[in-house]
Amino acid sequence: MNKFNKILMALATSVLTMSAQAQVTVSDAWVRATVTQQKATGAFMQIKSVKDARLLEVRSPVAGVAEIHKMEMADNMMKMRAVDGMDLPAGKVVELKPGAYHIMLLDLKAQVKEGDVVPVTLVVEGKDKKRETIEVKAIVKPLNQATQH
């Protein structure tokens, strides 16, 4: 599959990825490209849930570890830390973006290159404790994407 077809496929699936119950939708999913030997990168997207829910888990076959992270100012310093999950309020778009909540892909198995498609799995739990798994195809964008997004 050539690079153009990969991009089209990723865009088509990232524009609206729905679970079987259509409770959670994901759009604009992307991953920042890496340089050779880089072992971590971020994944970003917009998530909307029909009902109150919580993002509990993330995973991807391209990484040994995937975590939900939060960046925030503390004591005049920007700090990043892993969190156990994040709330998805009913009807509101929650944006995972650089400098805020995002997904960290750690212990990368190979370089992530512009135009690649990275599968990311999200596990969401509703108030009723029922879990759903959402499969997302995220397009890899250039290293400087944070300033372009």
N, C-alpha and C. Protein backbone atom coordinates (compact mmCIF):
# COMPACT_ATOMS: atom_id res chain seq x y z
N MET A 1 0.85 -1.16 0.00
CA MET A 1 0.00 0.00 0.00
C MET A 1 0.90 1.24 0.00
N ASN A 2 0.68 2.17 -0.93
CA ASN A 2 1.54 3.34 -0.98
C ASN A 2 1.16 4.34 0.10
N LYS A 3 2.02 5.35 0.28
CA LYS A 3 1.86 6.34 1.35
C LYS A 3 0.52 7.08 1.22
N PHE A 4 0.13 7.44 0.02
CA PHE A 4 -1.12 8.16 -0.20
C PHE A 4 -2.32 7.33 0.25
N ASN A 5 -2.33 6.06 -0.12
CA ASN A 5 -3.43 5.18 0.27
C ASN A 5 -3.48 4.98 1.78
N LYS A 6 -2.29 4.89 2.44
CA LYS A 6 -2.25 4.78 3.89
C LYS A 6 -2.89 6.01 4.53
N ILE A 7 -2.54 7.18 4.01
CA ILE A 7 -3.08 8.42 4.56
C ILE A 7 -4.58 8.47 4.38
N LEU A 8 -5.07 8.13 3.19
CA LEU A 8 -6.52 8.12 2.96
C LEU A 8 -7.23 7.15 3.90
N MET A 9 -6.66 5.97 4.08
CA MET A 9 -7.28 4.99 4.95
C MET A 9 -7.32 5.49 6.40
N ALA A 10 -6.23 6.07 6.85
CA ALA A 10 -6.18 6.58 8.22
C ALA A 10 -7.15 7.73 8.42
N LEU A 11 -7.21 8.62 7.45
CA LEU A 11 -8.14 9.74 7.57
C LEU A 11 -9.58 9.25 7.60
N ALA A 12 -9.89 8.30 6.76
CA ALA A 12 -11.25 7.78 6.72
C ALA A 12 -11.63 7.13 8.05
N THR A 13 -10.71 6.41 8.67
CA THR A 13 -11.04 5.75 9.92
C THR A 13 -10.92 6.69 11.11
N SER A 14 -10.05 7.69 11.04
CA SER A 14 -9.90 8.59 12.18
C SER A 14 -10.96 9.69 12.19
N VAL A 15 -11.58 9.96 11.06
CA VAL A 15 -12.63 10.97 11.02
C VAL A 15 -13.77 10.58 11.95
N LEU A 16 -14.14 9.32 11.94
CA LEU A 16 -15.21 8.87 12.82
C LEU A 16 -15.05 7.39 13.09
N THR A 17 -14.43 7.08 14.21
CA THR A 17 -14.28 5.69 14.62
C THR A 17 -15.31 5.44 15.70
N MET A 18 -16.22 4.49 15.48
CA MET A 18 -17.28 4.24 16.45
C MET A 18 -17.20 2.84 17.00
N SER A 19 -17.62 2.71 18.23
CA SER A 19 -17.74 1.39 18.82
C SER A 19 -19.02 0.76 18.30
N ALA A 20 -19.21 -0.52 18.58
CA ALA A 20 -20.41 -1.22 18.12
C ALA A 20 -21.67 -0.58 18.69
N GLN A 21 -21.59 -0.04 19.92
CA GLN A 21 -22.76 0.57 20.54
C GLN A 21 -22.87 2.05 20.20
N ALA A 22 -21.90 2.60 19.52
CA ALA A 22 -21.87 4.01 19.12
C ALA A 22 -22.00 4.95 20.31
N GLN A 23 -21.42 4.56 21.44
CA GLN A 23 -21.44 5.40 22.64
C GLN A 23 -20.29 6.42 22.62
N VAL A 24 -19.19 6.05 21.99
CA VAL A 24 -18.00 6.89 21.97
C VAL A 24 -17.52 7.05 20.54
N THR A 25 -17.21 8.27 20.15
CA THR A 25 -16.64 8.53 18.83
C THR A 25 -15.28 9.18 18.99
N VAL A 26 -14.41 8.89 18.06
CA VAL A 26 -13.06 9.44 18.06
C VAL A 26 -12.82 10.09 16.71
N SER A 27 -12.26 11.29 16.72
CA SER A 27 -11.94 11.97 15.46
C SER A 27 -10.55 12.59 15.54
N ASP A 28 -10.02 12.95 14.38
CA ASP A 28 -8.74 13.63 14.23
C ASP A 28 -7.61 12.94 15.00
N ALA A 29 -7.51 11.63 14.90
CA ALA A 29 -6.47 10.87 15.61
C ALA A 29 -5.15 10.96 14.85
N TRP A 30 -4.10 11.33 15.57
CA TRP A 30 -2.78 11.41 14.96
C TRP A 30 -1.70 11.12 15.99
N VAL A 31 -0.52 10.75 15.48
CA VAL A 31 0.65 10.45 16.29
C VAL A 31 1.80 11.28 15.75
N ARG A 32 2.63 11.80 16.65
CA ARG A 32 3.79 12.58 16.21
C ARG A 32 4.90 11.65 15.75
N ALA A 33 5.48 11.93 14.58
CA ALA A 33 6.59 11.14 14.04
C ALA A 33 7.78 11.20 14.99
N THR A 34 8.66 10.22 14.86
CA THR A 34 9.87 10.17 15.69
C THR A 34 11.11 10.19 14.80
N VAL A 35 12.23 10.40 15.45
CA VAL A 35 13.52 10.29 14.77
C VAL A 35 14.09 8.91 15.10
N THR A 36 15.10 8.49 14.36
CA THR A 36 15.73 7.19 14.60
C THR A 36 16.15 7.08 16.05
N GLN A 37 15.93 5.94 16.63
CA GLN A 37 16.29 5.60 18.02
C GLN A 37 15.43 6.27 19.10
N GLN A 38 14.49 7.11 18.71
CA GLN A 38 13.59 7.72 19.69
C GLN A 38 12.64 6.64 20.21
N LYS A 39 12.44 6.58 21.50
CA LYS A 39 11.67 5.50 22.11
C LYS A 39 10.30 5.92 22.63
N ALA A 40 9.90 7.18 22.38
CA ALA A 40 8.59 7.63 22.87
C ALA A 40 8.01 8.66 21.93
N THR A 41 6.67 8.70 21.90
CA THR A 41 5.97 9.73 21.13
C THR A 41 4.58 9.89 21.73
N GLY A 42 3.85 10.86 21.21
CA GLY A 42 2.51 11.13 21.70
C GLY A 42 1.45 10.83 20.66
N ALA A 43 0.27 10.45 21.16
CA ALA A 43 -0.90 10.26 20.31
C ALA A 43 -1.97 11.24 20.77
N PHE A 44 -2.68 11.81 19.81
CA PHE A 44 -3.62 12.89 20.08
C PHE A 44 -4.91 12.64 19.31
N MET A 45 -6.03 13.10 19.84
CA MET A 45 -7.32 12.87 19.19
C MET A 45 -8.41 13.62 19.93
N GLN A 46 -9.60 13.59 19.38
CA GLN A 46 -10.77 14.14 20.04
C GLN A 46 -11.72 12.98 20.32
N ILE A 47 -12.23 12.94 21.56
CA ILE A 47 -13.11 11.86 21.98
C ILE A 47 -14.43 12.46 22.46
N LYS A 48 -15.53 11.88 22.02
CA LYS A 48 -16.86 12.33 22.46
C LYS A 48 -17.68 11.11 22.85
N SER A 49 -18.28 11.19 24.04
CA SER A 49 -19.09 10.10 24.54
C SER A 49 -20.54 10.55 24.67
N VAL A 50 -21.46 9.70 24.27
CA VAL A 50 -22.89 10.00 24.38
C VAL A 50 -23.29 10.11 25.85
N LYS A 51 -22.74 9.22 26.68
CA LYS A 51 -23.04 9.19 28.11
C LYS A 51 -21.76 9.45 28.89
N ASP A 52 -21.90 9.86 30.17
CA ASP A 52 -20.72 10.01 31.02
C ASP A 52 -19.93 8.71 31.00
N ALA A 53 -18.64 8.81 30.82
CA ALA A 53 -17.78 7.63 30.75
C ALA A 53 -16.39 8.02 31.22
N ARG A 54 -15.51 7.05 31.21
CA ARG A 54 -14.12 7.29 31.63
C ARG A 54 -13.19 6.47 30.74
N LEU A 55 -12.17 7.13 30.21
CA LEU A 55 -11.11 6.44 29.46
C LEU A 55 -10.20 5.79 30.50
N LEU A 56 -10.13 4.46 30.49
CA LEU A 56 -9.39 3.73 31.51
C LEU A 56 -8.04 3.20 31.05
N GLU A 57 -7.96 2.84 29.78
CA GLU A 57 -6.78 2.15 29.31
C GLU A 57 -6.52 2.47 27.85
N VAL A 58 -5.24 2.50 27.49
CA VAL A 58 -4.84 2.67 26.09
C VAL A 58 -3.74 1.65 25.80
N ARG A 59 -3.68 1.21 24.56
CA ARG A 59 -2.60 0.31 24.16
C ARG A 59 -2.39 0.42 22.66
N SER A 60 -1.20 0.02 22.24
CA SER A 60 -0.86 0.04 20.82
C SER A 60 0.23 -0.99 20.56
N PRO A 61 0.12 -1.72 19.46
CA PRO A 61 1.15 -2.72 19.16
C PRO A 61 2.51 -2.12 18.79
N VAL A 62 2.57 -0.81 18.54
CA VAL A 62 3.85 -0.19 18.18
C VAL A 62 4.69 0.13 19.41
N ALA A 63 4.08 0.03 20.62
CA ALA A 63 4.76 0.43 21.84
C ALA A 63 4.72 -0.68 22.88
N GLY A 64 5.78 -0.76 23.67
CA GLY A 64 5.80 -1.70 24.78
C GLY A 64 4.86 -1.26 25.88
N VAL A 65 4.69 0.06 26.01
CA VAL A 65 3.84 0.65 27.05
C VAL A 65 3.06 1.81 26.44
N ALA A 66 1.79 1.90 26.78
CA ALA A 66 0.97 3.05 26.38
C ALA A 66 0.28 3.56 27.65
N GLU A 67 0.31 4.87 27.85
CA GLU A 67 -0.26 5.46 29.06
C GLU A 67 -1.03 6.73 28.74
N ILE A 68 -2.02 7.01 29.56
CA ILE A 68 -2.72 8.29 29.50
C ILE A 68 -1.90 9.26 30.35
N HIS A 69 -1.55 10.41 29.76
CA HIS A 69 -0.73 11.40 30.46
C HIS A 69 -1.43 12.74 30.54
N LYS A 70 -1.02 13.52 31.52
CA LYS A 70 -1.53 14.87 31.71
C LYS A 70 -0.33 15.79 31.91
N MET A 71 -0.35 16.92 31.21
CA MET A 71 0.66 17.95 31.42
C MET A 71 -0.01 19.13 32.08
N GLU A 72 0.67 19.70 33.08
CA GLU A 72 0.13 20.86 33.77
C GLU A 72 1.24 21.65 34.44
N MET A 73 0.97 22.92 34.68
CA MET A 73 1.92 23.77 35.38
C MET A 73 1.82 23.49 36.88
N ALA A 74 2.97 23.29 37.51
CA ALA A 74 3.04 23.11 38.96
C ALA A 74 4.34 23.75 39.44
N ASP A 75 4.23 24.68 40.36
CA ASP A 75 5.41 25.39 40.89
C ASP A 75 6.22 26.02 39.76
N ASN A 76 5.55 26.70 38.85
CA ASN A 76 6.18 27.39 37.72
C ASN A 76 6.96 26.45 36.81
N MET A 77 6.59 25.19 36.79
CA MET A 77 7.27 24.23 35.93
C MET A 77 6.21 23.34 35.27
N MET A 78 6.38 23.10 33.98
CA MET A 78 5.48 22.19 33.27
C MET A 78 5.86 20.77 33.66
N LYS A 79 4.87 20.02 34.14
CA LYS A 79 5.11 18.65 34.56
C LYS A 79 4.18 17.71 33.81
N MET A 80 4.71 16.53 33.49
CA MET A 80 3.92 15.51 32.82
C MET A 80 3.89 14.29 33.72
N ARG A 81 2.70 13.69 33.83
CA ARG A 81 2.58 12.49 34.65
C ARG A 81 1.51 11.57 34.08
N ALA A 82 1.69 10.29 34.36
CA ALA A 82 0.68 9.31 33.97
C ALA A 82 -0.51 9.43 34.92
N VAL A 83 -1.71 9.21 34.38
CA VAL A 83 -2.93 9.23 35.19
C VAL A 83 -3.67 7.91 34.99
N ASP A 84 -4.51 7.58 35.96
CA ASP A 84 -5.25 6.31 35.91
C ASP A 84 -6.36 6.31 34.88
N GLY A 85 -6.78 7.47 34.45
CA GLY A 85 -7.85 7.58 33.47
C GLY A 85 -8.25 9.03 33.31
N MET A 86 -9.24 9.25 32.46
CA MET A 86 -9.75 10.61 32.29
C MET A 86 -11.24 10.55 32.01
N ASP A 87 -11.95 11.52 32.59
CA ASP A 87 -13.40 11.57 32.43
C ASP A 87 -13.78 12.01 31.03
N LEU A 88 -14.86 11.44 30.54
CA LEU A 88 -15.44 11.80 29.26
C LEU A 88 -16.88 12.24 29.54
N PRO A 89 -17.10 13.53 29.82
CA PRO A 89 -18.45 14.01 30.14
C PRO A 89 -19.40 13.84 28.95
N ALA A 90 -20.63 13.47 29.24
CA ALA A 90 -21.63 13.23 28.19
C ALA A 90 -21.77 14.43 27.26
N GLY A 91 -21.69 14.15 25.96
CA GLY A 91 -21.94 15.16 24.94
C GLY A 91 -20.83 16.17 24.72
N LYS A 92 -19.75 16.11 25.47
CA LYS A 92 -18.65 17.07 25.32
C LYS A 92 -17.47 16.43 24.61
N VAL A 93 -16.82 17.22 23.77
CA VAL A 93 -15.61 16.75 23.10
C VAL A 93 -14.44 16.95 24.05
N VAL A 94 -13.71 15.87 24.30
CA VAL A 94 -12.49 15.94 25.11
C VAL A 94 -11.33 15.83 24.15
N GLU A 95 -10.47 16.83 24.17
CA GLU A 95 -9.35 16.84 23.22
C GLU A 95 -8.06 16.41 23.89
N LEU A 96 -7.45 15.38 23.34
CA LEU A 96 -6.12 14.97 23.74
C LEU A 96 -5.18 15.70 22.80
N LYS A 97 -4.33 16.57 23.36
CA LYS A 97 -3.50 17.43 22.52
C LYS A 97 -2.15 17.69 23.18
N PRO A 98 -1.18 18.14 22.41
CA PRO A 98 0.13 18.46 22.99
C PRO A 98 -0.03 19.51 24.10
N GLY A 99 0.68 19.29 25.20
CA GLY A 99 0.64 20.23 26.31
C GLY A 99 -0.52 20.05 27.26
N ALA A 100 -1.31 19.00 27.07
CA ALA A 100 -2.48 18.76 27.92
C ALA A 100 -2.60 17.23 28.10
N TYR A 101 -3.83 16.74 28.23
CA TYR A 101 -4.03 15.29 28.23
C TYR A 101 -3.60 14.74 26.87
N HIS A 102 -2.96 13.58 26.87
CA HIS A 102 -2.54 12.92 25.64
C HIS A 102 -2.20 11.47 25.96
N ILE A 103 -1.89 10.71 24.95
CA ILE A 103 -1.47 9.33 25.12
C ILE A 103 0.03 9.26 24.83
N MET A 104 0.77 8.68 25.74
CA MET A 104 2.20 8.46 25.52
C MET A 104 2.42 7.03 25.07
N LEU A 105 3.13 6.89 23.98
CA LEU A 105 3.54 5.59 23.47
C LEU A 105 5.02 5.45 23.79
N LEU A 106 5.34 4.54 24.72
CA LEU A 106 6.69 4.39 25.24
C LEU A 106 7.29 3.05 24.81
N ASP A 107 8.61 2.97 24.86
CA ASP A 107 9.31 1.75 24.47
C ASP A 107 8.89 1.34 23.06
N LEU A 108 8.99 2.31 22.14
CA LEU A 108 8.61 2.06 20.74
C LEU A 108 9.43 0.92 20.15
N LYS A 109 8.77 0.10 19.36
CA LYS A 109 9.43 -1.06 18.77
C LYS A 109 10.19 -0.71 17.49
N ALA A 110 9.83 0.43 16.89
CA ALA A 110 10.49 0.91 15.67
C ALA A 110 10.19 2.40 15.51
N GLN A 111 10.93 3.03 14.62
CA GLN A 111 10.68 4.44 14.33
C GLN A 111 9.26 4.60 13.77
N VAL A 112 8.59 5.65 14.17
CA VAL A 112 7.25 5.98 13.67
C VAL A 112 7.45 7.10 12.65
N LYS A 113 7.14 6.81 11.39
CA LYS A 113 7.45 7.75 10.31
C LYS A 113 6.20 8.43 9.77
N GLU A 114 6.38 9.66 9.31
CA GLU A 114 5.29 10.44 8.72
C GLU A 114 4.59 9.60 7.64
N GLY A 115 3.26 9.57 7.70
CA GLY A 115 2.47 8.82 6.73
C GLY A 115 2.10 7.42 7.20
N ASP A 116 2.81 6.89 8.21
CA ASP A 116 2.44 5.59 8.76
C ASP A 116 1.07 5.68 9.42
N VAL A 117 0.47 4.54 9.65
CA VAL A 117 -0.80 4.46 10.38
C VAL A 117 -0.54 3.64 11.64
N VAL A 118 -0.87 4.22 12.79
CA VAL A 118 -0.63 3.57 14.08
C VAL A 118 -1.97 3.14 14.69
N PRO A 119 -2.14 1.85 14.95
CA PRO A 119 -3.36 1.42 15.64
C PRO A 119 -3.26 1.74 17.13
N VAL A 120 -4.33 2.29 17.68
CA VAL A 120 -4.41 2.60 19.10
C VAL A 120 -5.75 2.05 19.60
N THR A 121 -5.71 1.35 20.71
CA THR A 121 -6.93 0.80 21.31
C THR A 121 -7.25 1.59 22.57
N LEU A 122 -8.50 2.03 22.66
CA LEU A 122 -8.99 2.75 23.84
C LEU A 122 -9.99 1.86 24.57
N VAL A 123 -9.90 1.80 25.88
CA VAL A 123 -10.88 1.08 26.69
C VAL A 123 -11.62 2.11 27.53
N VAL A 124 -12.94 2.17 27.33
CA VAL A 124 -13.78 3.16 27.98
C VAL A 124 -14.81 2.43 28.84
N GLU A 125 -15.05 2.98 30.03
CA GLU A 125 -16.04 2.40 30.94
C GLU A 125 -17.13 3.41 31.22
N GLY A 126 -18.39 2.96 31.10
CA GLY A 126 -19.53 3.81 31.39
C GLY A 126 -19.87 3.77 32.87
N LYS A 127 -20.81 4.61 33.28
CA LYS A 127 -21.26 4.64 34.68
C LYS A 127 -21.82 3.28 35.11
N ASP A 128 -22.34 2.52 34.14
CA ASP A 128 -22.92 1.20 34.43
C ASP A 128 -21.84 0.12 34.55
N LYS A 129 -20.56 0.54 34.49
CA LYS A 129 -19.39 -0.34 34.59
C LYS A 129 -19.18 -1.23 33.36
N LYS A 130 -19.99 -1.03 32.32
CA LYS A 130 -19.77 -1.77 31.08
C LYS A 130 -18.61 -1.11 30.34
N ARG A 131 -17.75 -1.95 29.80
CA ARG A 131 -16.58 -1.45 29.07
C ARG A 131 -16.77 -1.67 27.58
N GLU A 132 -16.22 -0.74 26.82
CA GLU A 132 -16.18 -0.90 25.37
C GLU A 132 -14.78 -0.60 24.89
N THR A 133 -14.41 -1.27 23.82
CA THR A 133 -13.08 -1.11 23.23
C THR A 133 -13.24 -0.42 21.89
N ILE A 134 -12.48 0.63 21.70
CA ILE A 134 -12.54 1.40 20.45
C ILE A 134 -11.19 1.26 19.76
N GLU A 135 -11.21 0.81 18.53
CA GLU A 135 -9.99 0.68 17.73
C GLU A 135 -9.85 1.92 16.86
N VAL A 136 -8.72 2.59 17.01
CA VAL A 136 -8.47 3.85 16.30
C VAL A 136 -7.26 3.66 15.39
N LYS A 137 -7.33 4.22 14.20
CA LYS A 137 -6.19 4.24 13.28
C LYS A 137 -5.71 5.69 13.22
N ALA A 138 -4.54 5.95 13.77
CA ALA A 138 -4.00 7.31 13.85
C ALA A 138 -2.92 7.50 12.79
N ILE A 139 -3.03 8.57 12.05
CA ILE A 139 -2.04 8.91 11.02
C ILE A 139 -0.83 9.56 11.69
N VAL A 140 0.35 9.24 11.22
CA VAL A 140 1.57 9.83 11.77
C VAL A 140 1.85 11.13 11.03
N LYS A 141 1.98 12.20 11.79
CA LYS A 141 2.22 13.54 11.24
C LYS A 141 3.63 14.00 11.60
N PRO A 142 4.12 15.04 10.93
CA PRO A 142 5.50 15.50 11.12
C PRO A 142 5.84 15.86 12.57
N LEU A 143 7.13 15.83 12.88
CA LEU A 143 7.63 16.17 14.21
C LEU A 143 7.14 17.54 14.69
N ASN A 144 7.03 18.50 13.80
CA ASN A 144 6.64 19.85 14.19
C ASN A 144 5.13 20.04 14.20
N GLN A 145 4.36 18.98 14.23
CA GLN A 145 2.90 19.05 14.14
C GLN A 145 2.28 19.88 15.27
N ALA A 146 2.87 19.91 16.44
CA ALA A 146 2.28 20.64 17.56
C ALA A 146 2.06 22.10 17.22
N THR A 147 2.96 22.68 16.44
CA THR A 147 2.80 24.08 16.07
C THR A 147 1.85 24.27 14.90
N GLN A 148 1.60 23.20 14.14
CA GLN A 148 0.71 23.30 12.99
C GLN A 148 -0.72 22.94 13.34
N HIS A 149 -0.94 22.20 14.43
CA HIS A 149 -2.26 21.67 14.77
C HIS A 149 -3.15 22.75 15.34
